[in-house]
PDB file of N, CA and C in Angstrom:
ATOM      1  N   MET A   1    -212.766 -11.633 -26.432  1.00  0.00           N
ATOM      2  CA  MET A   1    -212.951 -10.228 -25.107  1.00  0.00           C
ATOM      3  C   MET A   1    -213.314 -10.980 -23.880  1.00  0.00           C
ATOM      4  N   ASP A   2    -212.833 -10.329 -23.303  1.00  0.00           N
ATOM      5  CA  ASP A   2    -213.210 -10.719 -21.509  1.00  0.00           C
ATOM      6  C   ASP A   2    -214.409 -11.096 -21.087  1.00  0.00           C
ATOM      7  N   GLU A   3    -214.486 -12.035 -20.768  1.00  0.00           N
ATOM      8  CA  GLU A   3    -216.221 -12.171 -20.380  1.00  0.00           C
ATOM      9  C   GLU A   3    -216.437 -11.823 -19.098  1.00  0.00           C
ATOM     10  N   SER A   4    -215.364 -11.169 -18.218  1.00  0.00           N
ATOM     11  CA  SER A   4    -216.001 -10.505 -17.089  1.00  0.00           C
ATOM     12  C   SER A   4    -216.316  -9.146 -17.384  1.00  0.00           C
ATOM     13  N   ILE A   5    -216.183  -8.602 -18.450  1.00  0.00           N
ATOM     14  CA  ILE A   5    -216.378  -7.208 -18.892  1.00  0.00           C
ATOM     15  C   ILE A   5    -217.836  -7.225 -19.665  1.00  0.00           C
ATOM     16  N   ARG A   6    -218.871  -6.333 -18.707  1.00  0.00           N
ATOM     17  CA  ARG A   6    -220.073  -6.416 -19.295  1.00  0.00           C
ATOM     18  C   ARG A   6    -220.508  -5.043 -19.957  1.00  0.00           C
ATOM     19  N   ILE A   7    -220.666  -4.626 -21.323  1.00  0.00           N
ATOM     20  CA  ILE A   7    -220.806  -3.510 -22.117  1.00  0.00           C
ATOM     21  C   ILE A   7    -222.473  -3.229 -21.817  1.00  0.00           C
ATOM     22  N   ASP A   8    -222.808  -2.354 -21.176  1.00  0.00           N
ATOM     23  CA  ASP A   8    -224.076  -1.878 -20.813  1.00  0.00           C
ATOM     24  C   ASP A   8    -224.383  -0.216 -21.332  1.00  0.00           C
ATOM     25  N   TRP A   9    -223.483   0.103 -22.469  1.00  0.00           N
ATOM     26  CA  TRP A   9    -223.805   1.674 -22.864  1.00  0.00           C
ATOM     27  C   TRP A   9    -225.145   1.190 -23.732  1.00  0.00           C
ATOM     28  N   GLY A  10    -226.064   2.426 -23.334  1.00  0.00           N
ATOM     29  CA  GLY A  10    -227.243   2.139 -23.729  1.00  0.00           C
ATOM     30  C   GLY A  10    -228.180   1.374 -23.470  1.00  0.00           C
ATOM     31  N   ARG A  11    -228.127   0.192 -22.643  1.00  0.00           N
ATOM     32  CA  ARG A  11    -228.772  -0.250 -21.706  1.00  0.00           C
ATOM     33  C   ARG A  11    -228.942  -0.134 -20.315  1.00  0.00           C
ATOM     34  N   ALA A  12    -228.150   1.109 -19.680  1.00  0.00           N
ATOM     35  CA  ALA A  12    -228.216   1.548 -18.225  1.00  0.00           C
ATOM     36  C   ALA A  12    -229.300   1.605 -17.821  1.00  0.00           C
ATOM     37  N   GLU A  13    -230.423   2.266 -18.766  1.00  0.00           N
ATOM     38  CA  GLU A  13    -231.490   2.802 -18.005  1.00  0.00           C
ATOM     39  C   GLU A  13    -232.652   1.441 -17.722  1.00  0.00           C
ATOM     40  N   LEU A  14    -232.368   0.387 -18.326  1.00  0.00           N
ATOM     41  CA  LEU A  14    -232.932  -0.880 -18.139  1.00  0.00           C
ATOM     42  C   LEU A  14    -232.250  -2.038 -17.367  1.00  0.00           C
ATOM     43  N   ALA A  15    -231.178  -1.531 -16.722  1.00  0.00           N
ATOM     44  CA  ALA A  15    -230.537  -2.437 -16.325  1.00  0.00           C
ATOM     45  C   ALA A  15    -231.172  -3.002 -14.742  1.00  0.00           C
ATOM     46  N   GLY A  16    -231.448  -4.387 -14.971  1.00  0.00           N
ATOM     47  CA  GLY A  16    -231.759  -4.794 -13.910  1.00  0.00           C
ATOM     48  C   GLY A  16    -233.674  -5.044 -13.653  1.00  0.00           C
ATOM     49  N   LEU A  17    -234.115  -4.406 -14.563  1.00  0.00           N
ATOM     50  CA  LEU A  17    -235.711  -3.961 -14.803  1.00  0.00           C
ATOM     51  C   LEU A  17    -236.279  -5.127 -14.872  1.00  0.00           C
ATOM     52  N   PHE A  18    -235.695  -6.422 -15.767  1.00  0.00           N
ATOM     53  CA  PHE A  18    -236.079  -7.529 -15.974  1.00  0.00           C
ATOM     54  C   PHE A  18    -236.141  -8.365 -14.732  1.00  0.00           C
ATOM     55  N   GLU A  19    -235.175  -8.279 -13.964  1.00  0.00           N
ATOM     56  CA  GLU A  19    -235.231  -8.836 -12.629  1.00  0.00           C
ATOM     57  C   GLU A  19    -235.999  -8.381 -11.566  1.00  0.00           C
ATOM     58  N   ARG A  20    -236.175  -7.136 -11.583  1.00  0.00           N
ATOM     59  CA  ARG A  20    -236.954  -6.883 -10.290  1.00  0.00           C
ATOM     60  C   ARG A  20    -238.560  -6.531 -10.852  1.00  0.00           C
ATOM     61  N   TRP A  21    -239.014  -6.951 -12.210  1.00  0.00           N
ATOM     62  CA  TRP A  21    -239.972  -6.830 -12.565  1.00  0.00           C
ATOM     63  C   TRP A  21    -240.808  -8.340 -12.196  1.00  0.00           C
ATOM     64  N   PRO A  22    -242.303  -8.099 -11.475  1.00  0.00           N
ATOM     65  CA  PRO A  22    -242.984  -9.117 -10.956  1.00  0.00           C
ATOM     66  C   PRO A  22    -243.430 -10.356 -12.073  1.00  0.00           C
ATOM     67  N   LYS A  23    -243.286 -11.324 -11.873  1.00  0.00           N
ATOM     68  CA  LYS A  23    -243.433 -12.693 -13.002  1.00  0.00           C
ATOM     69  C   LYS A  23    -244.859 -13.331 -12.396  1.00  0.00           C
ATOM     70  N   ASP A  24    -245.427 -13.700 -13.336  1.00  0.00           N
ATOM     71  CA  ASP A  24    -246.736 -14.473 -13.120  1.00  0.00           C
ATOM     72  C   ASP A  24    -246.151 -15.846 -12.625  1.00  0.00           C
ATOM     73  N   GLU A  25    -247.304 -16.957 -12.359  1.00  0.00           N
ATOM     74  CA  GLU A  25    -246.974 -18.205 -11.997  1.00  0.00           C
ATOM     75  C   GLU A  25    -246.232 -19.004 -13.402  1.00  0.00           C
ATOM     76  N   ASN A  26    -246.119 -18.429 -14.320  1.00  0.00           N
ATOM     77  CA  ASN A  26    -245.723 -19.466 -15.277  1.00  0.00           C
ATOM     78  C   ASN A  26    -243.946 -18.725 -15.319  1.00  0.00           C
ATOM     79  N   GLY A  27    -243.623 -17.926 -14.442  1.00  0.00           N
ATOM     80  CA  GLY A  27    -242.531 -17.257 -14.803  1.00  0.00           C
ATOM     81  C   GLY A  27    -242.261 -16.169 -16.121  1.00  0.00           C
ATOM     82  N   GLN A  28    -243.199 -15.719 -16.458  1.00  0.00           N
ATOM     83  CA  GLN A  28    -243.660 -14.595 -17.496  1.00  0.00           C
ATOM     84  C   GLN A  28    -243.538 -13.229 -16.630  1.00  0.00           C
ATOM     85  N   PRO A  29    -243.061 -12.103 -17.157  1.00  0.00           N
ATOM     86  CA  PRO A  29    -242.962 -10.975 -16.706  1.00  0.00           C
ATOM     87  C   PRO A  29    -244.744 -10.362 -16.991  1.00  0.00           C
ATOM     88  N   GLU A  30    -245.149  -9.706 -15.821  1.00  0.00           N
ATOM     89  CA  GLU A  30    -246.444  -9.408 -15.823  1.00  0.00           C
ATOM     90  C   GLU A  30    -246.692  -8.265 -16.708  1.00  0.00           C
ATOM     91  N   PRO A  31    -247.697  -8.308 -17.234  1.00  0.00           N
ATOM     92  CA  PRO A  31    -248.048  -6.964 -18.470  1.00  0.00           C
ATOM     93  C   PRO A  31    -247.740  -5.673 -17.747  1.00  0.00           C
ATOM     94  N   PRO A  32    -247.202  -4.454 -18.518  1.00  0.00           N
ATOM     95  CA  PRO A  32    -247.228  -3.466 -18.004  1.00  0.00           C
ATOM     96  C   PRO A  32    -248.783  -2.693 -18.227  1.00  0.00           C
ATOM     97  N   VAL A  33    -248.585  -1.707 -17.007  1.00  0.00           N
ATOM     98  CA  VAL A  33    -249.886  -0.818 -17.480  1.00  0.00           C
ATOM     99  C   VAL A  33    -249.524   0.615 -17.295  1.00  0.00           C
ATOM    100  N   LEU A  34    -250.090   1.403 -17.879  1.00  0.00           N
ATOM    101  CA  LEU A  34    -249.748   3.134 -18.223  1.00  0.00           C
ATOM    102  C   LEU A  34    -250.004   3.555 -16.781  1.00  0.00           C
ATOM    103  N   LEU A  35    -249.190   4.150 -16.112  1.00  0.00           N
ATOM    104  CA  LEU A  35    -249.671   4.644 -14.732  1.00  0.00           C
ATOM    105  C   LEU A  35    -250.129   6.329 -15.175  1.00  0.00           C
ATOM    106  N   THR A  36    -249.176   7.090 -15.850  1.00  0.00           N
ATOM    107  CA  THR A  36    -249.246   8.613 -16.266  1.00  0.00           C
ATOM    108  C   THR A  36    -248.337   8.799 -17.561  1.00  0.00           C
ATOM    109  N   ALA A  37    -248.728  10.156 -17.953  1.00  0.00           N
ATOM    110  CA  ALA A  37    -247.873  10.522 -18.837  1.00  0.00           C
ATOM    111  C   ALA A  37    -247.613  11.934 -18.439  1.00  0.00           C
ATOM    112  N   LEU A  38    -246.005  12.133 -18.111  1.00  0.00           N
ATOM    113  CA  LEU A  38    -245.513  13.471 -17.600  1.00  0.00           C
ATOM    114  C   LEU A  38    -244.820  14.563 -18.373  1.00  0.00           C
ATOM    115  N   SER A  39    -245.080  15.438 -18.470  1.00  0.00           N
ATOM    116  CA  SER A  39    -243.665  16.284 -19.151  1.00  0.00           C
ATOM    117  C   SER A  39    -242.567  16.347 -18.866  1.00  0.00           C
ATOM    118  N   ALA A  40    -241.695  16.622 -19.573  1.00  0.00           N
ATOM    119  CA  ALA A  40    -239.657  16.069 -19.260  1.00  0.00           C
ATOM    120  C   ALA A  40    -239.398  17.527 -18.913  1.00  0.00           C
ATOM    121  N   LEU A  41    -240.262  18.596 -19.040  1.00  0.00           N
ATOM    122  CA  LEU A  41    -239.840  19.871 -18.798  1.00  0.00           C
ATOM    123  C   LEU A  41    -239.396  20.537 -17.709  1.00  0.00           C
ATOM    124  N   ASP A  42    -239.889  19.833 -16.848  1.00  0.00           N
ATOM    125  CA  ASP A  42    -240.086  20.132 -15.389  1.00  0.00           C
ATOM    126  C   ASP A  42    -239.494  19.215 -14.534  1.00  0.00           C
ATOM    127  N   MET A  43    -238.969  18.129 -15.236  1.00  0.00           N
ATOM    128  CA  MET A  43    -238.423  17.150 -14.437  1.00  0.00           C
ATOM    129  C   MET A  43    -239.224  16.335 -13.716  1.00  0.00           C
ATOM    130  N   SER A  44    -240.537  16.188 -13.592  1.00  0.00           N
ATOM    131  CA  SER A  44    -241.247  15.577 -12.988  1.00  0.00           C
ATOM    132  C   SER A  44    -241.012  14.088 -13.453  1.00  0.00           C
ATOM    133  N   ASP A  45    -241.263  13.762 -14.557  1.00  0.00           N
ATOM    134  CA  ASP A  45    -240.830  12.453 -14.923  1.00  0.00           C
ATOM    135  C   ASP A  45    -240.107  11.641 -14.012  1.00  0.00           C
ATOM    136  N   GLU A  46    -238.744  12.417 -14.035  1.00  0.00           N
ATOM    137  CA  GLU A  46    -237.802  12.011 -13.206  1.00  0.00           C
ATOM    138  C   GLU A  46    -237.802  11.797 -11.586  1.00  0.00           C
ATOM    139  N   LEU A  47    -238.570  12.491 -11.194  1.00  0.00           N
ATOM    140  CA  LEU A  47    -239.049  12.369  -9.675  1.00  0.00           C
ATOM    141  C   LEU A  47    -239.979  11.490  -9.726  1.00  0.00           C
ATOM    142  N   MET A  48    -240.832  11.627 -10.611  1.00  0.00           N
ATOM    143  CA  MET A  48    -241.565  10.130 -10.415  1.00  0.00           C
ATOM    144  C   MET A  48    -241.254   8.550 -10.254  1.00  0.00           C
ATOM    145  N   LEU A  49    -240.395   8.737 -11.599  1.00  0.00           N
ATOM    146  CA  LEU A  49    -239.452   7.225 -11.689  1.00  0.00           C
ATOM    147  C   LEU A  49    -238.674   7.053 -10.149  1.00  0.00           C
ATOM    148  N   ASN A  50    -237.706   7.663  -9.982  1.00  0.00           N
ATOM    149  CA  ASN A  50    -237.088   7.895  -8.801  1.00  0.00           C
ATOM    150  C   ASN A  50    -238.084   7.821  -7.370  1.00  0.00           C
ATOM    151  N   MET A  51    -238.610   8.281  -7.218  1.00  0.00           N
ATOM    152  CA  MET A  51    -239.875   8.250  -6.251  1.00  0.00           C
ATOM    153  C   MET A  51    -240.404   6.708  -6.251  1.00  0.00           C
ATOM    154  N   LEU A  52    -240.983   6.152  -7.314  1.00  0.00           N
ATOM    155  CA  LEU A  52    -241.486   4.862  -7.334  1.00  0.00           C
ATOM    156  C   LEU A  52    -240.370   3.666  -7.031  1.00  0.00           C
ATOM    157  N   GLU A  53    -239.438   4.074  -7.774  1.00  0.00           N
ATOM    158  CA  GLU A  53    -238.054   2.784  -7.645  1.00  0.00           C
ATOM    159  C   GLU A  53    -237.808   2.787  -6.035  1.00  0.00           C
ATOM    160  N   ALA A  54    -237.802   4.018  -5.463  1.00  0.00           N
ATOM    161  CA  ALA A  54    -237.538   4.071  -4.064  1.00  0.00           C
ATOM    162  C   ALA A  54    -238.143   3.320  -3.048  1.00  0.00           C
ATOM    163  N   TYR A  55    -239.638   3.055  -3.806  1.00  0.00           N
ATOM    164  CA  TYR A  55    -240.711   2.020  -3.044  1.00  0.00           C
ATOM    165  C   TYR A  55    -240.519   0.836  -3.666  1.00  0.00           C
ATOM    166  N   GLY A  56    -239.799   0.637  -4.191  1.00  0.00           N
ATOM    167  CA  GLY A  56    -239.750  -0.768  -4.649  1.00  0.00           C
ATOM    168  C   GLY A  56    -240.889  -1.323  -6.101  1.00  0.00           C
ATOM    169  N   ILE A  57    -241.197  -0.243  -6.466  1.00  0.00           N
ATOM    170  CA  ILE A  57    -242.025  -0.178  -7.692  1.00  0.00           C
ATOM    171  C   ILE A  57    -241.013  -0.239  -9.007  1.00  0.00           C
ATOM    172  N   PRO A  58    -240.736  -1.085 -10.083  1.00  0.00           N
ATOM    173  CA  PRO A  58    -240.390  -0.997 -10.948  1.00  0.00           C
ATOM    174  C   PRO A  58    -240.913  -0.407 -11.971  1.00  0.00           C
ATOM    175  N   CYS A  59    -240.536   0.487 -12.779  1.00  0.00           N
ATOM    176  CA  CYS A  59    -241.056   1.395 -13.868  1.00  0.00           C
ATOM    177  C   CYS A  59    -240.337   1.183 -15.178  1.00  0.00           C
ATOM    178  N   LEU A  60    -241.230   1.377 -16.193  1.00  0.00           N
ATOM    179  CA  LEU A  60    -240.673   1.382 -17.664  1.00  0.00           C
ATOM    180  C   LEU A  60    -240.899   2.837 -18.369  1.00  0.00           C
ATOM    181  N   ARG A  61    -240.367   3.187 -18.786  1.00  0.00           N
ATOM    182  CA  ARG A  61    -240.628   4.594 -19.548  1.00  0.00           C
ATOM    183  C   ARG A  61    -240.397   4.508 -20.905  1.00  0.00           C
ATOM    184  N   GLN A  62    -241.342   5.462 -21.745  1.00  0.00           N
ATOM    185  CA  GLN A  62    -241.516   5.056 -23.133  1.00  0.00           C
ATOM    186  C   GLN A  62    -241.624   6.681 -23.380  1.00  0.00           C
ATOM    187  N   TYR A  63    -241.221   7.146 -24.515  1.00  0.00           N
ATOM    188  CA  TYR A  63    -241.374   8.288 -25.167  1.00  0.00           C
ATOM    189  C   TYR A  63    -241.798   8.426 -26.188  1.00  0.00           C
ATOM    190  N   PRO A  64    -243.293   9.094 -25.996  1.00  0.00           N
ATOM    191  CA  PRO A  64    -244.100   8.888 -27.587  1.00  0.00           C
ATOM    192  C   PRO A  64    -243.466  10.073 -28.400  1.00  0.00           C
ATOM    193  N   GLY A  65    -244.061   9.577 -29.598  1.00  0.00           N
ATOM    194  CA  GLY A  65    -243.522  10.271 -30.974  1.00  0.00           C
ATOM    195  C   GLY A  65    -241.957  10.254 -31.258  1.00  0.00           C
ATOM    196  N   ASP A  66    -241.339  11.296 -31.375  1.00  0.00           N
ATOM    197  CA  ASP A  66    -239.833  11.459 -31.824  1.00  0.00           C
ATOM    198  C   ASP A  66    -239.349  11.874 -30.016  1.00  0.00           C
ATOM    199  N   GLY A  67    -239.842  11.559 -29.128  1.00  0.00           N
ATOM    200  CA  GLY A  67    -239.382  12.088 -27.965  1.00  0.00           C
ATOM    201  C   GLY A  67    -238.059  11.324 -27.277  1.00  0.00           C
ATOM    202  N   ALA A  68    -237.777  10.250 -28.056  1.00  0.00           N
ATOM    203  CA  ALA A  68    -236.578   9.306 -27.688  1.00  0.00           C
ATOM    204  C   ALA A  68    -235.354  10.282 -28.207  1.00  0.00           C
ATOM    205  N   PHE A  69    -235.345  10.334 -29.541  1.00  0.00           N
ATOM    206  CA  PHE A  69    -234.832  11.566 -30.286  1.00  0.00           C
ATOM    207  C   PHE A  69    -234.629  12.772 -29.400  1.00  0.00           C
ATOM    208  N   GLY A  70    -235.146  13.341 -28.829  1.00  0.00           N
ATOM    209  CA  GLY A  70    -235.125  14.422 -28.452  1.00  0.00           C
ATOM    210  C   GLY A  70    -234.254  14.317 -27.018  1.00  0.00           C
ATOM    211  N   LYS A  71    -234.796  12.763 -26.387  1.00  0.00           N
ATOM    212  CA  LYS A  71    -233.969  12.903 -24.926  1.00  0.00           C
ATOM    213  C   LYS A  71    -232.449  12.063 -25.281  1.00  0.00           C
ATOM    214  N   LEU A  72    -232.046  11.848 -26.266  1.00  0.00           N
ATOM    215  CA  LEU A  72    -230.831  11.701 -26.437  1.00  0.00           C
ATOM    216  C   LEU A  72    -230.245  12.597 -27.470  1.00  0.00           C
ATOM    217  N   ILE A  73    -230.591  13.827 -27.843  1.00  0.00           N
ATOM    218  CA  ILE A  73    -230.117  15.219 -28.457  1.00  0.00           C
ATOM    219  C   ILE A  73    -229.915  16.193 -27.188  1.00  0.00           C
ATOM    220  N   LEU A  74    -231.482  16.437 -26.693  1.00  0.00           N
ATOM    221  CA  LEU A  74    -231.267  17.357 -25.959  1.00  0.00           C
ATOM    222  C   LEU A  74    -231.160  17.068 -24.591  1.00  0.00           C
ATOM    223  N   GLY A  75    -231.241  15.688 -24.138  1.00  0.00           N
ATOM    224  CA  GLY A  75    -231.498  15.406 -22.116  1.00  0.00           C
ATOM    225  C   GLY A  75    -232.639  14.877 -21.850  1.00  0.00           C
ATOM    226  N   MET A  76    -233.597  15.727 -22.747  1.00  0.00           N
ATOM    227  CA  MET A  76    -235.169  15.651 -22.293  1.00  0.00           C
ATOM    228  C   MET A  76    -236.032  15.313 -23.619  1.00  0.00           C
ATOM    229  N   SER A  77    -236.979  14.695 -23.230  1.00  0.00           N
ATOM    230  CA  SER A  77    -238.196  14.307 -24.527  1.00  0.00           C
ATOM    231  C   SER A  77    -239.131  15.753 -24.178  1.00  0.00           C
ATOM    232  N   GLY A  78    -239.213  16.251 -25.364  1.00  0.00           N
ATOM    233  CA  GLY A  78    -240.118  17.337 -25.617  1.00  0.00           C
ATOM    234  C   GLY A  78    -241.603  16.906 -25.880  1.00  0.00           C
ATOM    235  N   GLN A  79    -241.964  15.425 -25.714  1.00  0.00           N
ATOM    236  CA  GLN A  79    -242.771  15.219 -25.912  1.00  0.00           C
ATOM    237  C   GLN A  79    -243.604  14.765 -24.430  1.00  0.00           C
ATOM    238  N   GLY A  80    -242.796  14.708 -23.876  1.00  0.00           N
ATOM    239  CA  GLY A  80    -243.015  13.944 -22.490  1.00  0.00           C
ATOM    240  C   GLY A  80    -242.747  12.540 -22.390  1.00  0.00           C
ATOM    241  N   THR A  81    -243.180  12.094 -21.283  1.00  0.00           N
ATOM    242  CA  THR A  81    -242.941  10.456 -20.639  1.00  0.00           C
ATOM    243  C   THR A  81    -243.989   9.956 -20.591  1.00  0.00           C
ATOM    244  N   GLU A  82    -244.145   8.550 -20.593  1.00  0.00           N
ATOM    245  CA  GLU A  82    -245.181   7.689 -20.472  1.00  0.00           C
ATOM    246  C   GLU A  82    -244.585   6.866 -19.449  1.00  0.00           C
ATOM    247  N   ILE A  83    -245.131   6.393 -18.448  1.00  0.00           N
ATOM    248  CA  ILE A  83    -244.381   5.566 -17.415  1.00  0.00           C
ATOM    249  C   ILE A  83    -245.572   4.497 -16.943  1.00  0.00           C
ATOM    250  N   TYR A  84    -244.939   3.366 -17.257  1.00  0.00           N
ATOM    251  CA  TYR A  84    -245.514   1.900 -17.205  1.00  0.00           C
ATOM    252  C   TYR A  84    -245.256   1.499 -16.049  1.00  0.00           C
ATOM    253  N   VAL A  85    -246.000   0.686 -15.146  1.00  0.00           N
ATOM    254  CA  VAL A  85    -245.669  -0.192 -13.663  1.00  0.00           C
ATOM    255  C   VAL A  85    -246.213  -1.498 -14.173  1.00  0.00           C
ATOM    256  N   PRO A  86    -245.692  -2.541 -13.527  1.00  0.00           N
ATOM    257  CA  PRO A  86    -246.749  -3.814 -13.401  1.00  0.00           C
ATOM    258  C   PRO A  86    -247.785  -3.707 -12.852  1.00  0.00           C
ATOM    259  N   LYS A  87    -249.040  -4.589 -13.508  1.00  0.00           N
ATOM    260  CA  LYS A  87    -249.981  -4.490 -13.217  1.00  0.00           C
ATOM    261  C   LYS A  87    -250.617  -4.531 -11.733  1.00  0.00           C
ATOM    262  N   SER A  88    -249.983  -5.608 -10.973  1.00  0.00           N
ATOM    263  CA  SER A  88    -250.102  -5.735  -9.562  1.00  0.00           C
ATOM    264  C   SER A  88    -249.272  -4.885  -8.906  1.00  0.00           C
ATOM    265  N   LEU A  89    -248.909  -3.491  -9.150  1.00  0.00           N
ATOM    266  CA  LEU A  89    -248.571  -2.970  -8.427  1.00  0.00           C
ATOM    267  C   LEU A  89    -248.791  -1.592  -8.878  1.00  0.00           C
ATOM    268  N   TYR A  90    -249.593  -1.598  -9.786  1.00  0.00           N
ATOM    269  CA  TYR A  90    -250.523  -0.439 -10.305  1.00  0.00           C
ATOM    270  C   TYR A  90    -251.437   0.403  -9.349  1.00  0.00           C
ATOM    271  N   ASN A  91    -252.036  -0.241  -8.417  1.00  0.00           N
ATOM    272  CA  ASN A  91    -252.733   0.701  -7.403  1.00  0.00           C
ATOM    273  C   ASN A  91    -251.904   1.400  -6.410  1.00  0.00           C
ATOM    274  N   ASP A  92    -250.692   0.818  -6.013  1.00  0.00           N
ATOM    275  CA  ASP A  92    -249.902   1.365  -4.982  1.00  0.00           C
ATOM    276  C   ASP A  92    -249.284   2.333  -5.731  1.00  0.00           C
ATOM    277  N   ALA A  93    -248.619   2.614  -7.119  1.00  0.00           N
ATOM    278  CA  ALA A  93    -248.041   3.618  -7.799  1.00  0.00           C
ATOM    279  C   ALA A  93    -248.973   4.199  -8.101  1.00  0.00           C
ATOM    280  N   LYS A  94    -250.228   4.369  -8.151  1.00  0.00           N
ATOM    281  CA  LYS A  94    -251.349   5.067  -8.548  1.00  0.00           C
ATOM    282  C   LYS A  94    -251.601   6.265  -6.977  1.00  0.00           C
ATOM    283  N   VAL A  95    -251.573   5.481  -5.958  1.00  0.00           N
ATOM    284  CA  VAL A  95    -251.335   6.244  -4.742  1.00  0.00           C
ATOM    285  C   VAL A  95    -250.522   7.024  -4.525  1.00  0.00           C
ATOM    286  N   LEU A  96    -249.082   6.586  -4.978  1.00  0.00           N
ATOM    287  CA  LEU A  96    -247.990   7.557  -4.485  1.00  0.00           C
ATOM    288  C   LEU A  96    -247.570   8.648  -5.460  1.00  0.00           C
ATOM    289  N   SER A  97    -248.412   8.364  -6.738  1.00  0.00           N
ATOM    290  CA  SER A  97    -247.942   9.399  -7.788  1.00  0.00           C
ATOM    291  C   SER A  97    -249.065  10.498  -7.938  1.00  0.00           C
ATOM    292  N   GLU A  98    -250.423  10.333  -6.960  1.00  0.00           N
ATOM    293  CA  GLU A  98    -251.107  11.420  -7.086  1.00  0.00           C
ATOM    294  C   GLU A  98    -250.223  12.580  -6.138  1.00  0.00           C
ATOM    295  N   GLY A  99    -249.201  12.355  -5.342  1.00  0.00           N
ATOM    296  CA  GLY A  99    -248.593  13.360  -4.611  1.00  0.00           C
ATOM    297  C   GLY A  99    -247.804  14.248  -5.023  1.00  0.00           C
ATOM    298  N   VAL A 100    -246.811  13.213  -6.076  1.00  0.00           N
ATOM    299  CA  VAL A 100    -245.896  14.179  -7.376  1.00  0.00           C
ATOM    300  C   VAL A 100    -246.999  15.061  -8.499  1.00  0.00           C
ATOM    301  N   GLU A 101    -247.836  14.298  -8.466  1.00  0.00           N
ATOM    302  CA  GLU A 101    -248.561  15.102 -10.217  1.00  0.00           C
ATOM    303  C   GLU A 101    -249.186  16.303  -9.450  1.00  0.00           C
ATOM    304  N   HIS A 102    -249.624  16.243  -8.483  1.00  0.00           N
ATOM    305  CA  HIS A 102    -250.702  17.506  -7.853  1.00  0.00           C
ATOM    306  C   HIS A 102    -249.711  18.284  -7.185  1.00  0.00           C
ATOM    307  N   ASP A 103    -248.949  18.674  -7.141  1.00  0.00           N
ATOM    308  CA  ASP A 103    -248.049  19.394  -6.036  1.00  0.00           C
ATOM    309  C   ASP A 103    -247.788  20.920  -6.689  1.00  0.00           C
ATOM    310  N   GLU A 104    -248.344  21.253  -7.979  1.00  0.00           N
ATOM    311  CA  GLU A 104    -248.538  22.668  -8.887  1.00  0.00           C
ATOM    312  C   GLU A 104    -248.965  23.614  -7.692  1.00  0.00           C
ATOM    313  N   ASP A 105    -249.377  23.713  -6.366  1.00  0.00           N
ATOM    314  CA  ASP A 105    -249.981  24.752  -5.487  1.00  0.00           C
ATOM    315  C   ASP A 105    -248.419  24.708  -4.910  1.00  0.00           C
ATOM    316  N   LEU A 106    -247.437  24.637  -4.932  1.00  0.00           N
ATOM    317  CA  LEU A 106    -246.707  24.636  -3.747  1.00  0.00           C
ATOM    318  C   LEU A 106    -246.227  25.870  -4.122  1.00  0.00           C
TER     319      LEU A 106
END
């Protein structure tokens, strides 16, 4: 197989996350901290992830329960999305996320 070809199917969502994730003094990735759990029905999870990434905050998303199956079949998780950020960037992410989570009155 040609070594210049990278097969990333199924891993596109995590592409480069390890490189962007902050490391501790030993070179190990910082622990992730739960920032929020959002509904996937109104795309607020995608908006949050894109906004945080735009500000340079890497994000890890998890789908609780059988949400990953729903994401695969339906394109969205019916059980919502949990968004994790590096521990050192939690406070910045929390401040940024407050504007996204509470825009229901618009």
